[in-house]
């Protein structure tokens, strides 16, 4: 998988609850929510990262389109706050089985890649990952 291409950030809304905890939701992806029973914001962000990572990895593995995140300034919350949560989706992808591919590239591209020390498998994986995220 890609080193940095699968880093994604989505806004989350932290709704303060009467018991002192938070209901935490990602308004851009249905079903992406969690909660905490305390006022530990760092723990809440960690929980949001985990649910976001698992959901995005599942979407990628199923070939589903990743929605574009809302701008954080587009969202508001009267009973809490809005923050961005960043996740490295690669940590949550389950199927990392290597698959052999045979492909053809122009000789000049091969020669240049060899001179530059390009890892062709990694370059292809990085490019595909970037395409999935920006699709």
N, C-alpha and C. Protein backbone atom coordinates (compact mmCIF):
# COMPACT_ATOMS: atom_id res chain seq x y z
N UNK A 1 0.83 -1.19 0.00
CA UNK A 1 0.00 0.00 0.00
C UNK A 1 0.88 1.25 0.00
N UNK A 2 0.25 2.34 -0.20
CA UNK A 2 0.96 3.62 -0.28
C UNK A 2 1.38 4.11 1.09
N UNK A 3 2.48 4.85 1.12
CA UNK A 3 2.94 5.40 2.38
C UNK A 3 2.04 6.52 2.88
N UNK A 4 1.72 7.48 2.02
CA UNK A 4 0.96 8.64 2.46
C UNK A 4 -0.33 8.82 1.68
N UNK A 5 -0.53 8.07 0.62
CA UNK A 5 -1.70 8.28 -0.22
C UNK A 5 -3.00 7.86 0.45
N UNK A 6 -2.96 7.04 1.47
CA UNK A 6 -4.18 6.61 2.12
C UNK A 6 -4.44 7.35 3.43
N UNK A 7 -3.77 8.47 3.63
CA UNK A 7 -4.10 9.35 4.75
C UNK A 7 -5.29 10.19 4.33
N UNK A 8 -6.34 10.16 5.13
CA UNK A 8 -7.54 10.92 4.82
C UNK A 8 -8.01 11.65 6.07
N UNK A 9 -8.67 12.78 5.87
CA UNK A 9 -9.22 13.54 6.99
C UNK A 9 -10.67 13.87 6.68
N UNK A 10 -11.53 13.67 7.67
CA UNK A 10 -12.95 13.98 7.56
C UNK A 10 -13.37 14.76 8.80
N UNK A 11 -14.34 15.65 8.65
CA UNK A 11 -14.84 16.36 9.82
C UNK A 11 -15.74 15.46 10.66
N UNK A 12 -15.66 15.65 11.95
CA UNK A 12 -16.53 14.97 12.90
C UNK A 12 -17.18 16.01 13.80
N UNK A 13 -18.42 15.75 14.16
CA UNK A 13 -19.14 16.62 15.07
C UNK A 13 -19.21 15.92 16.43
N UNK A 14 -18.77 16.62 17.46
CA UNK A 14 -18.82 16.14 18.83
C UNK A 14 -20.01 16.81 19.51
N UNK A 15 -21.07 16.05 19.73
CA UNK A 15 -22.27 16.57 20.39
C UNK A 15 -22.16 16.27 21.89
N UNK A 16 -22.17 17.29 22.70
CA UNK A 16 -22.10 17.12 24.16
C UNK A 16 -23.40 16.50 24.65
N UNK A 17 -23.28 15.47 25.50
CA UNK A 17 -24.45 14.81 26.05
C UNK A 17 -24.62 15.20 27.51
N UNK A 18 -25.81 15.04 28.03
CA UNK A 18 -26.12 15.44 29.40
C UNK A 18 -25.26 14.74 30.44
N UNK A 19 -24.86 13.51 30.15
CA UNK A 19 -24.07 12.73 31.13
C UNK A 19 -22.59 13.13 31.15
N UNK A 20 -22.21 14.11 30.33
CA UNK A 20 -20.82 14.55 30.30
C UNK A 20 -20.01 13.95 29.17
N UNK A 21 -20.57 12.99 28.47
CA UNK A 21 -19.87 12.38 27.34
C UNK A 21 -20.19 13.08 26.04
N UNK A 22 -19.83 12.43 24.94
CA UNK A 22 -20.07 12.98 23.61
C UNK A 22 -20.60 11.91 22.67
N UNK A 23 -21.56 12.29 21.84
CA UNK A 23 -21.95 11.50 20.68
C UNK A 23 -21.14 12.08 19.53
N UNK A 24 -20.38 11.24 18.81
CA UNK A 24 -19.41 11.70 17.81
C UNK A 24 -19.82 11.12 16.46
N UNK A 25 -20.04 12.00 15.48
CA UNK A 25 -20.48 11.53 14.16
C UNK A 25 -19.73 12.20 13.03
N UNK A 26 -19.60 11.44 11.93
CA UNK A 26 -19.05 11.97 10.69
C UNK A 26 -20.23 12.24 9.76
N UNK A 27 -20.54 13.51 9.49
CA UNK A 27 -21.73 13.81 8.70
C UNK A 27 -21.62 13.40 7.22
N UNK A 28 -20.43 13.09 6.76
CA UNK A 28 -20.24 12.77 5.35
C UNK A 28 -20.44 11.29 5.01
N UNK A 29 -20.41 10.41 6.02
CA UNK A 29 -20.50 8.98 5.76
C UNK A 29 -21.54 8.38 6.70
N UNK A 30 -22.63 7.85 6.12
CA UNK A 30 -23.68 7.23 6.92
C UNK A 30 -23.12 6.11 7.79
N UNK A 31 -23.54 6.07 9.02
CA UNK A 31 -23.17 4.98 9.92
C UNK A 31 -21.82 5.15 10.59
N UNK A 32 -21.13 6.25 10.35
CA UNK A 32 -19.83 6.46 10.98
C UNK A 32 -20.05 7.35 12.20
N UNK A 33 -20.16 6.69 13.34
CA UNK A 33 -20.36 7.40 14.59
C UNK A 33 -19.83 6.56 15.74
N UNK A 34 -19.59 7.20 16.84
CA UNK A 34 -19.13 6.54 18.06
C UNK A 34 -19.52 7.44 19.22
N UNK A 35 -19.05 7.14 20.37
CA UNK A 35 -19.35 7.98 21.53
C UNK A 35 -18.43 7.66 22.68
N UNK A 36 -18.37 8.58 23.60
CA UNK A 36 -17.59 8.38 24.81
C UNK A 36 -18.44 8.82 26.00
N UNK A 37 -18.22 8.18 27.15
CA UNK A 37 -18.98 8.47 28.36
C UNK A 37 -18.26 9.46 29.27
N UNK A 38 -17.26 10.11 28.76
CA UNK A 38 -16.47 11.02 29.58
C UNK A 38 -16.12 12.26 28.77
N UNK A 39 -15.37 13.14 29.37
CA UNK A 39 -15.00 14.40 28.72
C UNK A 39 -13.56 14.36 28.20
N UNK A 40 -13.09 13.17 27.80
CA UNK A 40 -11.72 12.99 27.32
C UNK A 40 -11.72 13.13 25.79
N UNK A 41 -11.49 14.34 25.31
CA UNK A 41 -11.57 14.64 23.87
C UNK A 41 -10.55 13.82 23.07
N UNK A 42 -9.35 13.66 23.60
CA UNK A 42 -8.33 12.87 22.89
C UNK A 42 -8.80 11.44 22.67
N UNK A 43 -9.44 10.88 23.67
CA UNK A 43 -9.98 9.52 23.54
C UNK A 43 -11.10 9.51 22.49
N UNK A 44 -11.93 10.52 22.46
CA UNK A 44 -12.99 10.62 21.47
C UNK A 44 -12.45 10.70 20.05
N UNK A 45 -11.39 11.47 19.88
CA UNK A 45 -10.76 11.57 18.55
C UNK A 45 -10.18 10.22 18.15
N UNK A 46 -9.58 9.52 19.10
CA UNK A 46 -9.04 8.19 18.82
C UNK A 46 -10.15 7.22 18.41
N UNK A 47 -11.28 7.28 19.08
CA UNK A 47 -12.42 6.43 18.73
C UNK A 47 -12.95 6.78 17.34
N UNK A 48 -13.02 8.08 17.04
CA UNK A 48 -13.48 8.53 15.72
C UNK A 48 -12.52 8.06 14.63
N UNK A 49 -11.23 8.14 14.90
CA UNK A 49 -10.24 7.67 13.92
C UNK A 49 -10.42 6.18 13.63
N UNK A 50 -10.66 5.41 14.66
CA UNK A 50 -10.81 3.97 14.47
C UNK A 50 -12.04 3.63 13.63
N UNK A 51 -13.19 4.22 13.96
CA UNK A 51 -14.40 3.91 13.20
C UNK A 51 -14.28 4.43 11.76
N UNK A 52 -13.63 5.57 11.58
CA UNK A 52 -13.41 6.11 10.23
C UNK A 52 -12.49 5.19 9.44
N UNK A 53 -11.39 4.76 10.04
CA UNK A 53 -10.43 3.88 9.36
C UNK A 53 -11.05 2.57 8.94
N UNK A 54 -11.83 1.95 9.83
CA UNK A 54 -12.46 0.67 9.50
C UNK A 54 -13.48 0.85 8.37
N UNK A 55 -14.25 1.92 8.42
CA UNK A 55 -15.27 2.15 7.40
C UNK A 55 -14.64 2.44 6.04
N UNK A 56 -13.65 3.33 6.00
CA UNK A 56 -13.02 3.68 4.72
C UNK A 56 -12.29 2.48 4.12
N UNK A 57 -11.62 1.69 4.94
CA UNK A 57 -10.94 0.49 4.44
C UNK A 57 -11.96 -0.48 3.84
N UNK A 58 -13.08 -0.65 4.52
CA UNK A 58 -14.13 -1.53 4.01
C UNK A 58 -14.67 -1.01 2.68
N UNK A 59 -14.88 0.29 2.58
CA UNK A 59 -15.37 0.88 1.34
C UNK A 59 -14.38 0.66 0.19
N UNK A 60 -13.09 0.87 0.46
CA UNK A 60 -12.07 0.65 -0.58
C UNK A 60 -12.03 -0.80 -1.02
N UNK A 61 -12.08 -1.71 -0.05
CA UNK A 61 -12.01 -3.13 -0.39
C UNK A 61 -13.23 -3.60 -1.18
N UNK A 62 -14.36 -2.93 -0.99
CA UNK A 62 -15.58 -3.28 -1.73
C UNK A 62 -15.70 -2.51 -3.04
N UNK A 63 -14.75 -1.61 -3.31
CA UNK A 63 -14.78 -0.84 -4.54
C UNK A 63 -15.78 0.31 -4.51
N UNK A 64 -16.22 0.71 -3.33
CA UNK A 64 -17.17 1.80 -3.20
C UNK A 64 -16.45 3.15 -3.31
N UNK A 65 -17.17 4.15 -3.72
CA UNK A 65 -16.61 5.49 -3.85
C UNK A 65 -16.50 6.15 -2.49
N UNK A 66 -15.34 6.70 -2.22
CA UNK A 66 -15.12 7.45 -0.99
C UNK A 66 -15.70 8.85 -1.19
N UNK A 67 -16.59 9.29 -0.32
CA UNK A 67 -17.16 10.63 -0.51
C UNK A 67 -16.13 11.71 -0.25
N UNK A 68 -16.36 12.86 -0.84
CA UNK A 68 -15.48 14.00 -0.60
C UNK A 68 -15.85 14.59 0.76
N UNK A 69 -14.85 14.84 1.60
CA UNK A 69 -15.16 15.41 2.92
C UNK A 69 -15.71 16.83 2.80
N UNK A 70 -16.64 17.16 3.67
CA UNK A 70 -17.14 18.53 3.77
C UNK A 70 -16.04 19.43 4.28
N UNK A 71 -16.10 20.68 3.91
CA UNK A 71 -15.18 21.65 4.49
C UNK A 71 -15.56 21.90 5.93
N UNK A 72 -14.59 21.99 6.80
CA UNK A 72 -14.87 22.13 8.22
C UNK A 72 -15.63 23.44 8.50
N UNK A 73 -15.44 24.44 7.68
CA UNK A 73 -16.14 25.71 7.87
C UNK A 73 -17.60 25.63 7.43
N UNK A 74 -17.96 24.58 6.69
CA UNK A 74 -19.34 24.40 6.24
C UNK A 74 -20.23 23.83 7.34
N UNK A 75 -19.63 23.32 8.40
CA UNK A 75 -20.38 22.63 9.46
C UNK A 75 -20.40 23.47 10.72
N UNK A 76 -21.46 23.29 11.50
CA UNK A 76 -21.54 23.96 12.80
C UNK A 76 -22.26 23.03 13.76
N UNK A 77 -22.14 23.35 15.03
CA UNK A 77 -22.75 22.52 16.06
C UNK A 77 -23.08 23.39 17.26
N UNK A 78 -24.35 23.45 17.63
CA UNK A 78 -24.77 24.26 18.78
C UNK A 78 -24.51 23.58 20.11
N UNK A 79 -24.40 22.26 20.11
CA UNK A 79 -24.26 21.53 21.37
C UNK A 79 -22.88 20.87 21.52
N UNK A 80 -21.87 21.40 20.86
CA UNK A 80 -20.54 20.82 20.94
C UNK A 80 -19.58 21.55 20.02
N UNK A 81 -18.84 20.77 19.22
CA UNK A 81 -17.86 21.37 18.32
C UNK A 81 -17.59 20.45 17.14
N UNK A 82 -16.94 21.01 16.13
CA UNK A 82 -16.56 20.28 14.92
C UNK A 82 -15.04 20.25 14.85
N UNK A 83 -14.48 19.10 14.49
CA UNK A 83 -13.03 18.99 14.32
C UNK A 83 -12.73 18.00 13.20
N UNK A 84 -11.53 18.10 12.66
CA UNK A 84 -11.09 17.12 11.65
C UNK A 84 -10.45 15.93 12.34
N UNK A 85 -10.70 14.76 11.78
CA UNK A 85 -10.07 13.54 12.26
C UNK A 85 -9.33 12.93 11.07
N UNK A 86 -8.03 12.69 11.27
CA UNK A 86 -7.20 12.12 10.22
C UNK A 86 -6.93 10.65 10.52
N UNK A 87 -6.91 9.86 9.45
CA UNK A 87 -6.67 8.43 9.63
C UNK A 87 -5.77 7.92 8.50
N UNK A 88 -4.89 6.98 8.83
CA UNK A 88 -4.11 6.25 7.84
C UNK A 88 -4.89 4.98 7.54
N UNK A 89 -5.64 4.98 6.46
CA UNK A 89 -6.55 3.88 6.13
C UNK A 89 -5.79 2.58 5.93
N UNK A 90 -4.55 2.66 5.50
CA UNK A 90 -3.77 1.45 5.26
C UNK A 90 -3.71 0.56 6.50
N UNK A 91 -3.71 1.15 7.68
CA UNK A 91 -3.66 0.37 8.93
C UNK A 91 -4.88 -0.53 9.10
N UNK A 92 -5.96 -0.20 8.41
CA UNK A 92 -7.22 -0.91 8.60
C UNK A 92 -7.58 -1.85 7.45
N UNK A 93 -6.78 -1.87 6.39
CA UNK A 93 -7.06 -2.74 5.25
C UNK A 93 -6.68 -4.17 5.61
N UNK A 94 -7.62 -5.08 5.39
CA UNK A 94 -7.43 -6.47 5.81
C UNK A 94 -6.68 -7.31 4.78
N UNK A 95 -7.00 -7.17 3.51
CA UNK A 95 -6.43 -8.06 2.50
C UNK A 95 -5.19 -7.42 1.87
N UNK A 96 -4.03 -7.81 2.34
CA UNK A 96 -2.77 -7.28 1.81
C UNK A 96 -2.00 -8.34 1.03
N UNK A 97 -2.72 -9.36 0.55
CA UNK A 97 -2.12 -10.41 -0.25
C UNK A 97 -1.50 -9.80 -1.51
N UNK A 98 -0.26 -10.16 -1.81
CA UNK A 98 0.39 -9.68 -3.02
C UNK A 98 -0.10 -10.47 -4.23
N UNK A 99 -0.34 -9.76 -5.33
CA UNK A 99 -0.81 -10.36 -6.57
C UNK A 99 0.18 -10.01 -7.66
N UNK A 100 0.67 -11.03 -8.37
CA UNK A 100 1.63 -10.80 -9.44
C UNK A 100 0.91 -10.24 -10.66
N UNK A 101 1.48 -9.17 -11.24
CA UNK A 101 0.93 -8.55 -12.44
C UNK A 101 2.03 -8.47 -13.49
N UNK A 102 1.67 -8.71 -14.73
CA UNK A 102 2.60 -8.52 -15.83
C UNK A 102 2.10 -7.33 -16.62
N UNK A 103 3.01 -6.40 -16.90
CA UNK A 103 2.59 -5.23 -17.66
C UNK A 103 3.71 -4.79 -18.58
N UNK A 104 3.37 -3.96 -19.52
CA UNK A 104 4.33 -3.45 -20.49
C UNK A 104 4.41 -1.94 -20.35
N UNK A 105 5.64 -1.44 -20.34
CA UNK A 105 5.87 0.00 -20.34
C UNK A 105 6.91 0.30 -21.41
N UNK A 106 6.95 1.52 -21.90
CA UNK A 106 7.96 1.86 -22.91
C UNK A 106 9.38 1.69 -22.35
N UNK A 107 10.31 1.32 -23.23
CA UNK A 107 11.70 1.10 -22.81
C UNK A 107 12.28 2.33 -22.15
N UNK A 108 11.99 3.54 -22.69
CA UNK A 108 12.54 4.75 -22.10
C UNK A 108 12.06 4.92 -20.65
N UNK A 109 10.80 4.54 -20.37
CA UNK A 109 10.27 4.66 -19.00
C UNK A 109 10.95 3.65 -18.09
N UNK A 110 11.17 2.45 -18.59
CA UNK A 110 11.88 1.44 -17.81
C UNK A 110 13.31 1.89 -17.51
N UNK A 111 14.02 2.36 -18.54
CA UNK A 111 15.40 2.79 -18.36
C UNK A 111 15.50 3.94 -17.36
N UNK A 112 14.61 4.92 -17.50
CA UNK A 112 14.60 6.05 -16.59
C UNK A 112 14.28 5.60 -15.17
N UNK A 113 13.29 4.72 -15.03
CA UNK A 113 12.93 4.21 -13.71
C UNK A 113 14.06 3.47 -13.04
N UNK A 114 14.78 2.66 -13.82
CA UNK A 114 15.92 1.92 -13.28
C UNK A 114 17.00 2.90 -12.81
N UNK A 115 17.30 3.92 -13.65
CA UNK A 115 18.31 4.92 -13.27
C UNK A 115 17.91 5.66 -12.00
N UNK A 116 16.62 5.92 -11.84
CA UNK A 116 16.13 6.65 -10.66
C UNK A 116 15.94 5.75 -9.44
N UNK A 117 16.09 4.46 -9.64
CA UNK A 117 15.91 3.53 -8.52
C UNK A 117 14.45 3.34 -8.13
N UNK A 118 13.56 3.45 -9.10
CA UNK A 118 12.13 3.33 -8.84
C UNK A 118 11.77 1.88 -8.49
N UNK A 119 11.00 1.72 -7.45
CA UNK A 119 10.40 0.43 -7.14
C UNK A 119 9.08 0.42 -7.92
N UNK A 120 9.03 -0.29 -9.02
CA UNK A 120 7.88 -0.24 -9.93
C UNK A 120 6.60 -0.72 -9.26
N UNK A 121 6.69 -1.75 -8.43
CA UNK A 121 5.51 -2.25 -7.73
C UNK A 121 4.95 -1.18 -6.78
N UNK A 122 5.83 -0.53 -6.05
CA UNK A 122 5.40 0.51 -5.12
C UNK A 122 4.84 1.71 -5.87
N UNK A 123 5.47 2.08 -6.97
CA UNK A 123 4.99 3.23 -7.75
C UNK A 123 3.58 2.97 -8.28
N UNK A 124 3.32 1.76 -8.77
CA UNK A 124 1.99 1.42 -9.26
C UNK A 124 0.98 1.40 -8.12
N UNK A 125 1.35 0.81 -6.99
CA UNK A 125 0.47 0.76 -5.83
C UNK A 125 0.14 2.16 -5.33
N UNK A 126 1.15 3.02 -5.24
CA UNK A 126 0.94 4.40 -4.79
C UNK A 126 0.00 5.15 -5.73
N UNK A 127 0.19 4.95 -7.03
CA UNK A 127 -0.65 5.64 -8.01
C UNK A 127 -2.10 5.17 -7.92
N UNK A 128 -2.31 3.86 -7.79
CA UNK A 128 -3.66 3.34 -7.67
C UNK A 128 -4.31 3.84 -6.39
N UNK A 129 -3.56 3.86 -5.30
CA UNK A 129 -4.09 4.37 -4.02
C UNK A 129 -4.50 5.82 -4.16
N UNK A 130 -3.67 6.62 -4.79
CA UNK A 130 -3.97 8.05 -4.96
C UNK A 130 -5.22 8.23 -5.81
N UNK A 131 -5.38 7.40 -6.82
CA UNK A 131 -6.56 7.47 -7.69
C UNK A 131 -7.83 7.13 -6.92
N UNK A 132 -7.76 6.16 -6.02
CA UNK A 132 -8.93 5.75 -5.25
C UNK A 132 -9.36 6.86 -4.30
N UNK A 133 -8.41 7.58 -3.76
CA UNK A 133 -8.70 8.63 -2.79
C UNK A 133 -9.24 9.88 -3.48
N UNK A 134 -8.77 10.16 -4.68
CA UNK A 134 -9.18 11.40 -5.37
C UNK A 134 -10.28 11.17 -6.38
N UNK A 135 -10.78 9.96 -6.50
CA UNK A 135 -11.81 9.58 -7.48
C UNK A 135 -13.06 10.41 -7.33
